[in-house]
Amino acid sequence: MSASMLSLGERIGRELARGNIDRIVVEGEKGYGVLVACGTEAVLLVLASAAVK
């Protein structure tokens, strides 16, 4: 699912003429998720609780 989210984010960036996407941040009531492409075949997903600083 994280690869799909990154792909969708990249497509949105192109459609809105924002250039290449560096990261995608998802903020929810229970915390955060940060997606970053690591090369052409890897995705880094970091999950953190809402209490993180």
PDB file of N, CA and C in Angstrom:
ATOM      1  N   MET A   1       0.820  -1.182   0.000  1.00  0.00           N
ATOM      2  CA  MET A   1       0.000   0.000   0.000  1.00  0.00           C
ATOM      3  C   MET A   1       0.869   1.254   0.000  1.00  0.00           C
ATOM      4  N   SER A   2       1.994   1.234   0.715  1.00  0.00           N
ATOM      5  CA  SER A   2       2.839   2.425   0.768  1.00  0.00           C
ATOM      6  C   SER A   2       3.409   2.769  -0.606  1.00  0.00           C
ATOM      7  N   ALA A   3       3.767   1.768  -1.410  1.00  0.00           N
ATOM      8  CA  ALA A   3       4.258   2.037  -2.768  1.00  0.00           C
ATOM      9  C   ALA A   3       3.165   2.665  -3.618  1.00  0.00           C
ATOM     10  N   SER A   4       1.928   2.216  -3.433  1.00  0.00           N
ATOM     11  CA  SER A   4       0.804   2.803  -4.170  1.00  0.00           C
ATOM     12  C   SER A   4       0.580   4.254  -3.764  1.00  0.00           C
ATOM     13  N   MET A   5       0.700   4.543  -2.473  1.00  0.00           N
ATOM     14  CA  MET A   5       0.533   5.922  -2.000  1.00  0.00           C
ATOM     15  C   MET A   5       1.613   6.831  -2.572  1.00  0.00           C
ATOM     16  N   LEU A   6       2.842   6.333  -2.610  1.00  0.00           N
ATOM     17  CA  LEU A   6       3.930   7.133  -3.157  1.00  0.00           C
ATOM     18  C   LEU A   6       3.722   7.379  -4.644  1.00  0.00           C
ATOM     19  N   SER A   7       3.293   6.360  -5.363  1.00  0.00           N
ATOM     20  CA  SER A   7       3.020   6.497  -6.792  1.00  0.00           C
ATOM     21  C   SER A   7       1.907   7.505  -7.044  1.00  0.00           C
ATOM     22  N   LEU A   8       0.856   7.436  -6.265  1.00  0.00           N
ATOM     23  CA  LEU A   8      -0.254   8.379  -6.397  1.00  0.00           C
ATOM     24  C   LEU A   8       0.205   9.802  -6.074  1.00  0.00           C
ATOM     25  N   GLY A   9       1.014   9.957  -5.043  1.00  0.00           N
ATOM     26  CA  GLY A   9       1.548  11.275  -4.694  1.00  0.00           C
ATOM     27  C   GLY A   9       2.385  11.862  -5.817  1.00  0.00           C
ATOM     28  N   GLU A  10       3.195  11.019  -6.464  1.00  0.00           N
ATOM     29  CA  GLU A  10       4.009  11.482  -7.583  1.00  0.00           C
ATOM     30  C   GLU A  10       3.129  11.924  -8.749  1.00  0.00           C
ATOM     31  N   ARG A  11       2.073  11.175  -8.994  1.00  0.00           N
ATOM     32  CA  ARG A  11       1.144  11.544 -10.069  1.00  0.00           C
ATOM     33  C   ARG A  11       0.451  12.867  -9.755  1.00  0.00           C
ATOM     34  N   ILE A  12       0.022  13.043  -8.524  1.00  0.00           N
ATOM     35  CA  ILE A  12      -0.615  14.302  -8.116  1.00  0.00           C
ATOM     36  C   ILE A  12       0.362  15.457  -8.276  1.00  0.00           C
ATOM     37  N   GLY A  13       1.623  15.244  -7.898  1.00  0.00           N
ATOM     38  CA  GLY A  13       2.637  16.287  -8.050  1.00  0.00           C
ATOM     39  C   GLY A  13       2.808  16.709  -9.500  1.00  0.00           C
ATOM     40  N   ARG A  14       2.788  15.743 -10.403  1.00  0.00           N
ATOM     41  CA  ARG A  14       2.894  16.066 -11.833  1.00  0.00           C
ATOM     42  C   ARG A  14       1.659  16.809 -12.318  1.00  0.00           C
ATOM     43  N   GLU A  15       0.477  16.334 -11.940  1.00  0.00           N
ATOM     44  CA  GLU A  15      -0.775  16.953 -12.382  1.00  0.00           C
ATOM     45  C   GLU A  15      -0.905  18.395 -11.893  1.00  0.00           C
ATOM     46  N   LEU A  16      -0.409  18.675 -10.708  1.00  0.00           N
ATOM     47  CA  LEU A  16      -0.499  20.016 -10.142  1.00  0.00           C
ATOM     48  C   LEU A  16       0.740  20.858 -10.456  1.00  0.00           C
ATOM     49  N   ALA A  17       1.621  20.322 -11.293  1.00  0.00           N
ATOM     50  CA  ALA A  17       2.852  21.011 -11.698  1.00  0.00           C
ATOM     51  C   ALA A  17       3.689  21.433 -10.485  1.00  0.00           C
ATOM     52  N   ARG A  18       3.839  20.527  -9.516  1.00  0.00           N
ATOM     53  CA  ARG A  18       4.627  20.804  -8.323  1.00  0.00           C
ATOM     54  C   ARG A  18       6.010  20.178  -8.402  1.00  0.00           C
ATOM     55  N   GLY A  19       6.322  19.471  -9.467  1.00  0.00           N
ATOM     56  CA  GLY A  19       7.633  18.845  -9.608  1.00  0.00           C
ATOM     57  C   GLY A  19       7.700  17.495  -8.911  1.00  0.00           C
ATOM     58  N   ASN A  20       8.926  17.032  -8.697  1.00  0.00           N
ATOM     59  CA  ASN A  20       9.128  15.735  -8.050  1.00  0.00           C
ATOM     60  C   ASN A  20       8.742  15.800  -6.574  1.00  0.00           C
ATOM     61  N   ILE A  21       8.152  14.735  -6.093  1.00  0.00           N
ATOM     62  CA  ILE A  21       7.739  14.636  -4.695  1.00  0.00           C
ATOM     63  C   ILE A  21       8.910  14.141  -3.851  1.00  0.00           C
ATOM     64  N   ASP A  22       9.250  14.843  -2.777  1.00  0.00           N
ATOM     65  CA  ASP A  22      10.319  14.421  -1.874  1.00  0.00           C
ATOM     66  C   ASP A  22       9.814  13.428  -0.835  1.00  0.00           C
ATOM     67  N   ARG A  23       8.625  13.706  -0.301  1.00  0.00           N
ATOM     68  CA  ARG A  23       8.049  12.823   0.728  1.00  0.00           C
ATOM     69  C   ARG A  23       6.554  13.049   0.800  1.00  0.00           C
ATOM     70  N   ILE A  24       5.877  12.080   1.346  1.00  0.00           N
ATOM     71  CA  ILE A  24       4.443  12.190   1.582  1.00  0.00           C
ATOM     72  C   ILE A  24       4.226  11.997   3.079  1.00  0.00           C
ATOM     73  N   VAL A  25       3.506  12.923   3.691  1.00  0.00           N
ATOM     74  CA  VAL A  25       3.235  12.857   5.119  1.00  0.00           C
ATOM     75  C   VAL A  25       1.737  12.661   5.311  1.00  0.00           C
ATOM     76  N   VAL A  26       1.395  11.645   6.091  1.00  0.00           N
ATOM     77  CA  VAL A  26      -0.005  11.378   6.429  1.00  0.00           C
ATOM     78  C   VAL A  26      -0.148  11.650   7.922  1.00  0.00           C
ATOM     79  N   GLU A  27      -1.052  12.556   8.264  1.00  0.00           N
ATOM     80  CA  GLU A  27      -1.260  12.926   9.656  1.00  0.00           C
ATOM     81  C   GLU A  27      -2.647  12.474  10.079  1.00  0.00           C
ATOM     82  N   GLY A  28      -2.709  11.655  11.112  1.00  0.00           N
ATOM     83  CA  GLY A  28      -3.979  11.164  11.619  1.00  0.00           C
ATOM     84  C   GLY A  28      -4.090  11.407  13.112  1.00  0.00           C
ATOM     85  N   GLU A  29      -5.220  11.090  13.670  1.00  0.00           N
ATOM     86  CA  GLU A  29      -5.429  11.349  15.104  1.00  0.00           C
ATOM     87  C   GLU A  29      -4.528  10.497  15.993  1.00  0.00           C
ATOM     88  N   LYS A  30      -4.051   9.359  15.486  1.00  0.00           N
ATOM     89  CA  LYS A  30      -3.189   8.487  16.286  1.00  0.00           C
ATOM     90  C   LYS A  30      -1.711   8.631  15.957  1.00  0.00           C
ATOM     91  N   GLY A  31      -1.371   9.502  14.991  1.00  0.00           N
ATOM     92  CA  GLY A  31       0.039   9.695  14.688  1.00  0.00           C
ATOM     93  C   GLY A  31       0.298  10.041  13.240  1.00  0.00           C
ATOM     94  N   TYR A  32       1.536   9.785  12.819  1.00  0.00           N
ATOM     95  CA  TYR A  32       2.009  10.202  11.510  1.00  0.00           C
ATOM     96  C   TYR A  32       2.590   9.027  10.740  1.00  0.00           C
ATOM     97  N   GLY A  33       2.545   9.141   9.426  1.00  0.00           N
ATOM     98  CA  GLY A  33       3.239   8.231   8.538  1.00  0.00           C
ATOM     99  C   GLY A  33       3.970   9.075   7.514  1.00  0.00           C
ATOM    100  N   VAL A  34       5.249   8.775   7.298  1.00  0.00           N
ATOM    101  CA  VAL A  34       6.049   9.517   6.329  1.00  0.00           C
ATOM    102  C   VAL A  34       6.605   8.516   5.317  1.00  0.00           C
ATOM    103  N   LEU A  35       6.340   8.768   4.033  1.00  0.00           N
ATOM    104  CA  LEU A  35       6.820   7.914   2.950  1.00  0.00           C
ATOM    105  C   LEU A  35       7.877   8.652   2.152  1.00  0.00           C
ATOM    106  N   VAL A  36       8.990   7.964   1.888  1.00  0.00           N
ATOM    107  CA  VAL A  36      10.080   8.543   1.107  1.00  0.00           C
ATOM    108  C   VAL A  36      10.576   7.475   0.137  1.00  0.00           C
ATOM    109  N   ALA A  37      10.728   7.836  -1.136  1.00  0.00           N
ATOM    110  CA  ALA A  37      11.299   6.913  -2.116  1.00  0.00           C
ATOM    111  C   ALA A  37      12.795   6.788  -1.853  1.00  0.00           C
ATOM    112  N   CYS A  38      13.289   5.556  -1.879  1.00  0.00           N
ATOM    113  CA  CYS A  38      14.721   5.278  -1.700  1.00  0.00           C
ATOM    114  C   CYS A  38      15.209   4.552  -2.947  1.00  0.00           C
ATOM    115  N   GLY A  39      15.487   5.292  -3.979  1.00  0.00           N
ATOM    116  CA  GLY A  39      15.868   4.690  -5.248  1.00  0.00           C
ATOM    117  C   GLY A  39      14.632   4.331  -6.046  1.00  0.00           C
ATOM    118  N   THR A  40      14.815   3.480  -7.051  1.00  0.00           N
ATOM    119  CA  THR A  40      13.703   3.133  -7.931  1.00  0.00           C
ATOM    120  C   THR A  40      12.900   1.940  -7.449  1.00  0.00           C
ATOM    121  N   GLU A  41      13.434   1.168  -6.498  1.00  0.00           N
ATOM    122  CA  GLU A  41      12.745  -0.059  -6.094  1.00  0.00           C
ATOM    123  C   GLU A  41      12.501  -0.176  -4.601  1.00  0.00           C
ATOM    124  N   ALA A  42      12.674   0.897  -3.852  1.00  0.00           N
ATOM    125  CA  ALA A  42      12.484   0.818  -2.404  1.00  0.00           C
ATOM    126  C   ALA A  42      11.742   2.047  -1.893  1.00  0.00           C
ATOM    127  N   VAL A  43      10.945   1.815  -0.857  1.00  0.00           N
ATOM    128  CA  VAL A  43      10.190   2.880  -0.201  1.00  0.00           C
ATOM    129  C   VAL A  43      10.439   2.776   1.298  1.00  0.00           C
ATOM    130  N   LEU A  44      10.742   3.888   1.938  1.00  0.00           N
ATOM    131  CA  LEU A  44      10.903   3.929   3.388  1.00  0.00           C
ATOM    132  C   LEU A  44       9.625   4.497   3.984  1.00  0.00           C
ATOM    133  N   LEU A  45       9.025   3.762   4.912  1.00  0.00           N
ATOM    134  CA  LEU A  45       7.830   4.202   5.621  1.00  0.00           C
ATOM    135  C   LEU A  45       8.174   4.306   7.101  1.00  0.00           C
ATOM    136  N   VAL A  46       7.984   5.487   7.672  1.00  0.00           N
ATOM    137  CA  VAL A  46       8.232   5.709   9.097  1.00  0.00           C
ATOM    138  C   VAL A  46       6.892   6.013   9.751  1.00  0.00           C
ATOM    139  N   LEU A  47       6.567   5.281  10.810  1.00  0.00           N
ATOM    140  CA  LEU A  47       5.341   5.501  11.569  1.00  0.00           C
ATOM    141  C   LEU A  47       5.716   6.056  12.945  1.00  0.00           C
ATOM    142  N   ALA A  48       4.991   7.068  13.394  1.00  0.00           N
ATOM    143  CA  ALA A  48       5.258   7.683  14.687  1.00  0.00           C
ATOM    144  C   ALA A  48       3.939   8.002  15.377  1.00  0.00           C
ATOM    145  N   SER A  49       3.945   7.931  16.698  1.00  0.00           N
ATOM    146  CA  SER A  49       2.730   8.247  17.456  1.00  0.00           C
ATOM    147  C   SER A  49       2.478   9.753  17.435  1.00  0.00           C
ATOM    148  N   ALA A  50       1.305  10.139  17.855  1.00  0.00           N
ATOM    149  CA  ALA A  50       0.938  11.555  17.883  1.00  0.00           C
ATOM    150  C   ALA A  50       1.761  12.332  18.912  1.00  0.00           C
ATOM    151  N   ALA A  51       2.370  11.651  19.869  1.00  0.00           N
ATOM    152  CA  ALA A  51       3.139  12.306  20.916  1.00  0.00           C
ATOM    153  C   ALA A  51       4.564  12.647  20.497  1.00  0.00           C
ATOM    154  N   VAL A  52       4.996  12.191  19.345  1.00  0.00           N
ATOM    155  CA  VAL A  52       6.389  12.420  18.904  1.00  0.00           C
ATOM    156  C   VAL A  52       6.624  13.904  18.622  1.00  0.00           C
ATOM    157  N   LYS A  53       7.844  14.357  18.858  1.00  0.00           N
ATOM    158  CA  LYS A  53       8.196  15.762  18.599  1.00  0.00           C
ATOM    159  C   LYS A  53       9.170  15.835  17.446  1.00  0.00           C
TER     160      LYS A  53
END
